Amino acid sequence: MTTEKEKSVWDLESGLPNDVDAFIANAKFGTRDEYMQQISEGGGEGTGLMFLFDLMDESGEVIGQQGYTVGSGWQASDDGKSISHPTRKNVVISSRYGQLQHRVVKELDVEMEKYGKPTDAASWNGLGFHWMLEEHETLKVVEGGGRERKQGLMPTVFVGVNDAIRGGAAPAKAAPEKATIDAGLEKQLKELAQTNGYKAFIMAAMKIEAVSKNDELMASIMDESDKGFFATHQK
């Protein structure tokens, strides 16, 4: 008999990545056929506009695609780079995109204003989060009433910005030796560099709050050359 902790070979999986660190890339506003079908089956109307993006690891490999409903009345322009609404400036929290914004801004305390506007898709490019599957309600009506519930990814921790994925950033350069990092933090990062491979070192370092707030140090950590933090702290 299968216990609650054991997983049967007959159990199903979502097929989505889960419990991973990944960056938002190639963000745009657009539609998906399967979501348009859900709107039709649910008796709803509208454009079915969604916030769409790739989930990318630090090496640049796409590990999944995500879509979050924007809400009724919004229209995309400039090939999906931005959206506008005839009467509203802010996205409603009942939409999945609104829930994403609320999670990031209100719960994770990410200062999104410095990355751009919520109506511009590129504002999200390069932002990294730890992602977990969470259950949410869809538009599809189920037998007996109510809405279908599905699992979808939501960010749980902000892990920093990947300048290479974000694009348009200046080439990474090493931070001044002692100007922008205290001895305790440098020792902590040095230990991470000596006990991890380069990719694992980056992901671990970006979870440290003092690192994510220091642009020069972040640039040094992201620098894969022999002048970057990882290479210069192996001894």
C-alpha atoms as a PDB file:
ATOM      1  CA  MET A   1       0.000   0.000   0.000  1.00  0.00           C
ATOM      2  CA  THR A   2       1.369   3.414  -0.934  1.00  0.00           C
ATOM      3  CA  THR A   3       1.775   5.811   1.983  1.00  0.00           C
ATOM      4  CA  GLU A   4       1.352   9.599   1.776  1.00  0.00           C
ATOM      5  CA  LYS A   5       5.125  10.098   1.685  1.00  0.00           C
ATOM      6  CA  GLU A   6       5.706   7.551  -1.065  1.00  0.00           C
ATOM      7  CA  LYS A   7       5.112   8.319  -4.741  1.00  0.00           C
ATOM      8  CA  SER A   8       3.385   5.712  -6.874  1.00  0.00           C
ATOM      9  CA  VAL A   9       4.446   5.092 -10.472  1.00  0.00           C
ATOM     10  CA  TRP A  10       0.803   5.892 -11.322  1.00  0.00           C
ATOM     11  CA  ASP A  11       0.989   9.402  -9.831  1.00  0.00           C
ATOM     12  CA  LEU A  12       1.046  12.255 -12.324  1.00  0.00           C
ATOM     13  CA  GLU A  13       3.284  15.317 -12.500  1.00  0.00           C
ATOM     14  CA  SER A  14       2.623  18.805 -13.833  1.00  0.00           C
ATOM     15  CA  GLY A  15       5.584  18.744 -16.216  1.00  0.00           C
ATOM     16  CA  LEU A  16       6.528  22.219 -15.010  1.00  0.00           C
ATOM     17  CA  PRO A  17       9.851  23.052 -13.386  1.00  0.00           C
ATOM     18  CA  ASN A  18       9.504  23.386  -9.623  1.00  0.00           C
ATOM     19  CA  ASP A  19      11.658  24.495  -6.689  1.00  0.00           C
ATOM     20  CA  VAL A  20      14.213  26.152  -8.993  1.00  0.00           C
ATOM     21  CA  ASP A  21      16.121  29.401  -9.370  1.00  0.00           C
ATOM     22  CA  ALA A  22      15.490  30.918 -12.803  1.00  0.00           C
ATOM     23  CA  PHE A  23      15.485  34.265 -14.589  1.00  0.00           C
ATOM     24  CA  ILE A  24      12.743  35.907 -16.651  1.00  0.00           C
ATOM     25  CA  ALA A  25      13.735  36.273 -20.314  1.00  0.00           C
ATOM     26  CA  ASN A  26      12.125  37.249 -23.628  1.00  0.00           C
ATOM     27  CA  ALA A  27       9.148  38.788 -21.837  1.00  0.00           C
ATOM     28  CA  LYS A  28       6.223  39.974 -23.977  1.00  0.00           C
ATOM     29  CA  PHE A  29       2.446  40.344 -23.980  1.00  0.00           C
ATOM     30  CA  GLY A  30       0.480  38.000 -26.224  1.00  0.00           C
ATOM     31  CA  THR A  31      -2.056  35.172 -26.379  1.00  0.00           C
ATOM     32  CA  ARG A  32      -2.104  31.387 -26.131  1.00  0.00           C
ATOM     33  CA  ASP A  33      -4.553  29.178 -27.996  1.00  0.00           C
ATOM     34  CA  GLU A  34      -5.283  27.001 -24.957  1.00  0.00           C
ATOM     35  CA  TYR A  35      -6.211  30.031 -22.842  1.00  0.00           C
ATOM     36  CA  MET A  36      -8.443  31.434 -25.586  1.00  0.00           C
ATOM     37  CA  GLN A  37     -10.240  28.079 -25.625  1.00  0.00           C
ATOM     38  CA  GLN A  38     -10.745  28.263 -21.845  1.00  0.00           C
ATOM     39  CA  ILE A  39     -12.331  31.699 -22.225  1.00  0.00           C
ATOM     40  CA  SER A  40     -14.686  30.358 -24.879  1.00  0.00           C
ATOM     41  CA  GLU A  41     -15.635  27.263 -22.846  1.00  0.00           C
ATOM     42  CA  GLY A  42     -16.198  29.400 -19.754  1.00  0.00           C
ATOM     43  CA  GLY A  43     -18.606  31.672 -21.620  1.00  0.00           C
ATOM     44  CA  GLY A  44     -16.314  34.675 -21.277  1.00  0.00           C
ATOM     45  CA  GLU A  45     -15.252  37.335 -23.714  1.00  0.00           C
ATOM     46  CA  GLY A  46     -12.089  39.351 -24.189  1.00  0.00           C
ATOM     47  CA  THR A  47      -8.712  39.404 -25.848  1.00  0.00           C
ATOM     48  CA  GLY A  48      -7.212  36.680 -23.653  1.00  0.00           C
ATOM     49  CA  LEU A  49      -4.054  38.744 -23.289  1.00  0.00           C
ATOM     50  CA  MET A  50      -1.255  37.236 -21.211  1.00  0.00           C
ATOM     51  CA  PHE A  51       2.168  38.180 -19.861  1.00  0.00           C
ATOM     52  CA  LEU A  52       4.459  35.588 -21.454  1.00  0.00           C
ATOM     53  CA  PHE A  53       8.123  34.804 -20.816  1.00  0.00           C
ATOM     54  CA  ASP A  54      10.812  32.137 -20.810  1.00  0.00           C
ATOM     55  CA  LEU A  55      12.333  30.787 -17.621  1.00  0.00           C
ATOM     56  CA  MET A  56      16.091  30.685 -18.112  1.00  0.00           C
ATOM     57  CA  ASP A  57      18.893  29.355 -15.930  1.00  0.00           C
ATOM     58  CA  GLU A  58      22.124  31.282 -15.413  1.00  0.00           C
ATOM     59  CA  SER A  59      23.799  29.527 -18.345  1.00  0.00           C
ATOM     60  CA  GLY A  60      21.152  30.811 -20.758  1.00  0.00           C
ATOM     61  CA  GLU A  61      19.254  27.530 -21.171  1.00  0.00           C
ATOM     62  CA  VAL A  62      15.450  27.827 -21.334  1.00  0.00           C
ATOM     63  CA  ILE A  63      13.904  25.474 -18.766  1.00  0.00           C
ATOM     64  CA  GLY A  64      10.256  26.445 -19.211  1.00  0.00           C
ATOM     65  CA  GLN A  65       7.713  28.982 -20.489  1.00  0.00           C
ATOM     66  CA  GLN A  66       5.172  30.835 -18.381  1.00  0.00           C
ATOM     67  CA  GLY A  67       1.980  32.780 -19.020  1.00  0.00           C
ATOM     68  CA  TYR A  68      -0.043  34.976 -16.646  1.00  0.00           C
ATOM     69  CA  THR A  69      -3.450  36.438 -17.542  1.00  0.00           C
ATOM     70  CA  VAL A  70      -3.485  40.242 -17.697  1.00  0.00           C
ATOM     71  CA  GLY A  71      -7.215  40.885 -17.335  1.00  0.00           C
ATOM     72  CA  SER A  72      -9.998  42.255 -19.531  1.00  0.00           C
ATOM     73  CA  GLY A  73      -9.717  45.403 -21.606  1.00  0.00           C
ATOM     74  CA  TRP A  74      -5.939  45.465 -22.005  1.00  0.00           C
ATOM     75  CA  GLN A  75      -4.452  45.702 -25.483  1.00  0.00           C
ATOM     76  CA  ALA A  76      -0.892  44.924 -26.583  1.00  0.00           C
ATOM     77  CA  SER A  77       1.098  47.191 -28.879  1.00  0.00           C
ATOM     78  CA  ASP A  78       4.546  47.330 -30.484  1.00  0.00           C
ATOM     79  CA  ASP A  79       4.651  43.555 -31.096  1.00  0.00           C
ATOM     80  CA  GLY A  80       3.769  42.766 -27.495  1.00  0.00           C
ATOM     81  CA  LYS A  81       6.357  45.019 -25.888  1.00  0.00           C
ATOM     82  CA  SER A  82       3.756  47.043 -23.974  1.00  0.00           C
ATOM     83  CA  ILE A  83       0.084  47.152 -23.004  1.00  0.00           C
ATOM     84  CA  SER A  84      -2.509  49.867 -22.471  1.00  0.00           C
ATOM     85  CA  HIS A  85      -6.090  50.127 -21.211  1.00  0.00           C
ATOM     86  CA  PRO A  86      -8.721  52.672 -22.276  1.00  0.00           C
ATOM     87  CA  THR A  87      -9.800  53.511 -18.707  1.00  0.00           C
ATOM     88  CA  ARG A  88      -7.268  51.971 -16.320  1.00  0.00           C
ATOM     89  CA  LYS A  89      -3.614  52.565 -15.469  1.00  0.00           C
ATOM     90  CA  ASN A  90      -3.129  49.676 -13.068  1.00  0.00           C
ATOM     91  CA  VAL A  91      -3.550  45.928 -13.513  1.00  0.00           C
ATOM     92  CA  VAL A  92      -6.248  44.347 -11.333  1.00  0.00           C
ATOM     93  CA  ILE A  93      -5.081  42.001  -8.589  1.00  0.00           C
ATOM     94  CA  SER A  94      -7.644  39.359  -9.595  1.00  0.00           C
ATOM     95  CA  SER A  95      -5.618  38.653 -12.746  1.00  0.00           C
ATOM     96  CA  ARG A  96      -2.670  36.287 -12.592  1.00  0.00           C
ATOM     97  CA  TYR A  97      -0.380  39.093 -13.740  1.00  0.00           C
ATOM     98  CA  GLY A  98      -1.743  41.225 -10.911  1.00  0.00           C
ATOM     99  CA  GLN A  99      -1.046  38.411  -8.452  1.00  0.00           C
ATOM    100  CA  LEU A 100       2.495  38.143  -9.817  1.00  0.00           C
ATOM    101  CA  GLN A 101       3.017  41.885  -9.318  1.00  0.00           C
ATOM    102  CA  HIS A 102       1.584  41.743  -5.795  1.00  0.00           C
ATOM    103  CA  ARG A 103       3.820  38.828  -4.833  1.00  0.00           C
ATOM    104  CA  VAL A 104       6.978  40.504  -6.137  1.00  0.00           C
ATOM    105  CA  VAL A 105       6.317  44.074  -4.949  1.00  0.00           C
ATOM    106  CA  LYS A 106       4.305  43.630  -1.747  1.00  0.00           C
ATOM    107  CA  GLU A 107       5.506  40.280  -0.430  1.00  0.00           C
ATOM    108  CA  LEU A 108       9.081  40.002  -1.724  1.00  0.00           C
ATOM    109  CA  ASP A 109       9.752  43.779  -1.412  1.00  0.00           C
ATOM    110  CA  VAL A 110      11.411  44.065  -4.825  1.00  0.00           C
ATOM    111  CA  GLU A 111      11.777  47.721  -5.886  1.00  0.00           C
ATOM    112  CA  MET A 112      10.267  47.223  -9.329  1.00  0.00           C
ATOM    113  CA  GLU A 113      10.154  50.965 -10.063  1.00  0.00           C
ATOM    114  CA  LYS A 114      13.881  50.934 -10.819  1.00  0.00           C
ATOM    115  CA  TYR A 115      13.420  48.244 -13.474  1.00  0.00           C
ATOM    116  CA  GLY A 116      10.585  49.903 -15.392  1.00  0.00           C
ATOM    117  CA  LYS A 117       6.788  49.942 -15.682  1.00  0.00           C
ATOM    118  CA  PRO A 118       4.404  46.976 -15.331  1.00  0.00           C
ATOM    119  CA  THR A 119       2.951  47.888 -18.730  1.00  0.00           C
ATOM    120  CA  ASP A 120       6.367  47.331 -20.366  1.00  0.00           C
ATOM    121  CA  ALA A 121       7.267  43.639 -20.687  1.00  0.00           C
ATOM    122  CA  ALA A 122      11.027  44.292 -20.780  1.00  0.00           C
ATOM    123  CA  SER A 123      10.895  45.612 -17.198  1.00  0.00           C
ATOM    124  CA  TRP A 124      10.995  41.980 -16.046  1.00  0.00           C
ATOM    125  CA  ASN A 125      13.820  40.695 -18.247  1.00  0.00           C
ATOM    126  CA  GLY A 126      16.808  39.414 -16.285  1.00  0.00           C
ATOM    127  CA  LEU A 127      15.069  39.375 -12.901  1.00  0.00           C
ATOM    128  CA  GLY A 128      15.716  36.129 -11.057  1.00  0.00           C
ATOM    129  CA  PHE A 129      13.508  34.350  -8.548  1.00  0.00           C
ATOM    130  CA  HIS A 130      13.152  31.053  -6.777  1.00  0.00           C
ATOM    131  CA  TRP A 131      10.013  29.488  -8.282  1.00  0.00           C
ATOM    132  CA  MET A 132       7.557  27.079  -6.646  1.00  0.00           C
ATOM    133  CA  LEU A 133       4.368  25.444  -7.895  1.00  0.00           C
ATOM    134  CA  GLU A 134       1.222  26.816  -6.269  1.00  0.00           C
ATOM    135  CA  GLU A 135      -2.449  26.043  -6.875  1.00  0.00           C
ATOM    136  CA  HIS A 136      -4.732  28.622  -8.492  1.00  0.00           C
ATOM    137  CA  GLU A 137      -8.190  28.858 -10.046  1.00  0.00           C
ATOM    138  CA  THR A 138      -8.642  28.884 -13.836  1.00  0.00           C
ATOM    139  CA  LEU A 139     -11.483  30.087 -16.070  1.00  0.00           C
ATOM    140  CA  LYS A 140     -12.584  26.549 -16.914  1.00  0.00           C
ATOM    141  CA  VAL A 141     -15.919  25.573 -15.335  1.00  0.00           C
ATOM    142  CA  VAL A 142     -15.964  22.065 -13.846  1.00  0.00           C
ATOM    143  CA  GLU A 143     -18.881  19.684 -13.559  1.00  0.00           C
ATOM    144  CA  GLY A 144     -21.039  20.551 -10.580  1.00  0.00           C
ATOM    145  CA  GLY A 145     -20.079  24.210 -10.622  1.00  0.00           C
ATOM    146  CA  GLY A 146     -17.034  26.165  -9.650  1.00  0.00           C
ATOM    147  CA  ARG A 147     -13.737  26.594 -11.464  1.00  0.00           C
ATOM    148  CA  GLU A 148     -10.944  24.193 -12.254  1.00  0.00           C
ATOM    149  CA  ARG A 149      -7.883  24.467 -10.044  1.00  0.00           C
ATOM    150  CA  LYS A 150      -4.404  24.036 -11.527  1.00  0.00           C
ATOM    151  CA  GLN A 151      -0.819  24.322 -10.414  1.00  0.00           C
ATOM    152  CA  GLY A 152       1.287  27.227 -11.639  1.00  0.00           C
ATOM    153  CA  LEU A 153       4.661  28.725 -10.824  1.00  0.00           C
ATOM    154  CA  MET A 154       4.985  31.730  -8.535  1.00  0.00           C
ATOM    155  CA  PRO A 155       8.162  33.435  -7.269  1.00  0.00           C
ATOM    156  CA  THR A 156       9.019  32.916  -3.610  1.00  0.00           C
ATOM    157  CA  VAL A 157      12.460  34.571  -3.276  1.00  0.00           C
ATOM    158  CA  PHE A 158      14.181  37.321  -5.286  1.00  0.00           C
ATOM    159  CA  VAL A 159      17.671  36.097  -6.226  1.00  0.00           C
ATOM    160  CA  GLY A 160      18.937  39.126  -8.149  1.00  0.00           C
ATOM    161  CA  VAL A 161      19.429  40.373 -11.691  1.00  0.00           C
ATOM    162  CA  ASN A 162      21.315  38.648 -14.498  1.00  0.00           C
ATOM    163  CA  ASP A 163      22.708  41.504 -16.608  1.00  0.00           C
ATOM    164  CA  ALA A 164      23.548  39.210 -19.522  1.00  0.00           C
ATOM    165  CA  ILE A 165      19.924  38.087 -19.789  1.00  0.00           C
ATOM    166  CA  ARG A 166      18.536  41.542 -19.129  1.00  0.00           C
ATOM    167  CA  GLY A 167      20.564  42.934 -22.042  1.00  0.00           C
ATOM    168  CA  GLY A 168      22.061  46.318 -22.714  1.00  0.00           C
ATOM    169  CA  ALA A 169      24.292  46.173 -19.663  1.00  0.00           C
ATOM    170  CA  ALA A 170      27.916  47.238 -19.610  1.00  0.00           C
ATOM    171  CA  PRO A 171      30.499  44.408 -19.651  1.00  0.00           C
ATOM    172  CA  ALA A 172      31.049  42.936 -16.238  1.00  0.00           C
ATOM    173  CA  LYS A 173      34.064  44.224 -14.354  1.00  0.00           C
ATOM    174  CA  ALA A 174      35.746  43.370 -11.113  1.00  0.00           C
ATOM    175  CA  ALA A 175      34.820  45.423  -8.074  1.00  0.00           C
ATOM    176  CA  PRO A 176      37.523  47.408  -6.259  1.00  0.00           C
ATOM    177  CA  GLU A 177      39.432  45.079  -3.963  1.00  0.00           C
ATOM    178  CA  LYS A 178      38.276  46.529  -0.637  1.00  0.00           C
ATOM    179  CA  ALA A 179      36.198  49.585  -1.510  1.00  0.00           C
ATOM    180  CA  THR A 180      32.741  48.023  -1.700  1.00  0.00           C
ATOM    181  CA  ILE A 181      32.921  44.811   0.338  1.00  0.00           C
ATOM    182  CA  ASP A 182      33.592  44.259   4.021  1.00  0.00           C
ATOM    183  CA  ALA A 183      35.934  41.554   5.262  1.00  0.00           C
ATOM    184  CA  GLY A 184      33.177  39.322   6.658  1.00  0.00           C
ATOM    185  CA  LEU A 185      31.220  39.252   3.408  1.00  0.00           C
ATOM    186  CA  GLU A 186      34.372  38.707   1.348  1.00  0.00           C
ATOM    187  CA  LYS A 187      35.305  35.744   3.544  1.00  0.00           C
ATOM    188  CA  GLN A 188      31.810  34.270   3.148  1.00  0.00           C
ATOM    189  CA  LEU A 189      31.922  34.638  -0.622  1.00  0.00           C
ATOM    190  CA  LYS A 190      35.463  33.271  -0.815  1.00  0.00           C
ATOM    191  CA  GLU A 191      34.345  30.116   1.000  1.00  0.00           C
ATOM    192  CA  LEU A 192      31.468  29.742  -1.476  1.00  0.00           C
ATOM    193  CA  ALA A 193      33.866  30.188  -4.401  1.00  0.00           C
ATOM    194  CA  GLN A 194      36.249  27.541  -3.057  1.00  0.00           C
ATOM    195  CA  THR A 195      33.558  24.952  -2.283  1.00  0.00           C
ATOM    196  CA  ASN A 196      31.330  25.324  -5.373  1.00  0.00           C
ATOM    197  CA  GLY A 197      31.576  25.319  -9.132  1.00  0.00           C
ATOM    198  CA  TYR A 198      31.158  28.650 -10.933  1.00  0.00           C
ATOM    199  CA  LYS A 199      27.422  28.323 -11.639  1.00  0.00           C
ATOM    200  CA  ALA A 200      26.574  27.095  -8.134  1.00  0.00           C
ATOM    201  CA  PHE A 201      28.705  29.906  -6.678  1.00  0.00           C
ATOM    202  CA  ILE A 202      26.715  32.566  -8.601  1.00  0.00           C
ATOM    203  CA  MET A 203      23.337  31.231  -7.499  1.00  0.00           C
ATOM    204  CA  ALA A 204      24.440  30.985  -3.852  1.00  0.00           C
ATOM    205  CA  ALA A 205      26.013  34.459  -3.878  1.00  0.00           C
ATOM    206  CA  MET A 206      22.927  36.133  -5.373  1.00  0.00           C
ATOM    207  CA  LYS A 207      20.806  34.912  -2.463  1.00  0.00           C
ATOM    208  CA  ILE A 208      22.872  37.065  -0.067  1.00  0.00           C
ATOM    209  CA  GLU A 209      21.083  40.389   0.432  1.00  0.00           C
ATOM    210  CA  ALA A 210      24.292  42.416   0.772  1.00  0.00           C
ATOM    211  CA  VAL A 211      25.394  41.117  -2.631  1.00  0.00           C
ATOM    212  CA  SER A 212      22.157  41.945  -4.463  1.00  0.00           C
ATOM    213  CA  LYS A 213      22.362  45.539  -3.195  1.00  0.00           C
ATOM    214  CA  ASN A 214      25.948  46.060  -4.413  1.00  0.00           C
ATOM    215  CA  ASP A 215      26.045  46.564  -8.201  1.00  0.00           C
ATOM    216  CA  GLU A 216      29.845  46.551  -8.463  1.00  0.00           C
ATOM    217  CA  LEU A 217      30.146  43.373  -6.415  1.00  0.00           C
ATOM    218  CA  MET A 218      27.411  41.725  -8.483  1.00  0.00           C
ATOM    219  CA  ALA A 219      29.310  42.619 -11.651  1.00  0.00           C
ATOM    220  CA  SER A 220      32.461  41.014 -10.253  1.00  0.00           C
ATOM    221  CA  ILE A 221      30.575  37.865  -9.234  1.00  0.00           C
ATOM    222  CA  MET A 222      28.995  37.580 -12.697  1.00  0.00           C
ATOM    223  CA  ASP A 223      32.404  38.059 -14.357  1.00  0.00           C
ATOM    224  CA  GLU A 224      33.556  34.635 -15.578  1.00  0.00           C
ATOM    225  CA  SER A 225      36.986  35.887 -16.649  1.00  0.00           C
ATOM    226  CA  ASP A 226      40.236  35.529 -14.711  1.00  0.00           C
ATOM    227  CA  LYS A 227      39.571  38.984 -13.232  1.00  0.00           C
ATOM    228  CA  GLY A 228      36.182  38.095 -11.719  1.00  0.00           C
ATOM    229  CA  PHE A 229      35.560  37.341  -8.022  1.00  0.00           C
ATOM    230  CA  PHE A 230      35.364  33.574  -8.534  1.00  0.00           C
ATOM    231  CA  ALA A 231      38.742  33.331 -10.286  1.00  0.00           C
ATOM    232  CA  THR A 232      40.560  35.736  -7.966  1.00  0.00           C
ATOM    233  CA  HIS A 233      39.411  34.026  -4.755  1.00  0.00           C
ATOM    234  CA  GLN A 234      40.427  30.417  -5.402  1.00  0.00           C
ATOM    235  CA  LYS A 235      43.450  30.628  -3.090  1.00  0.00           C
END
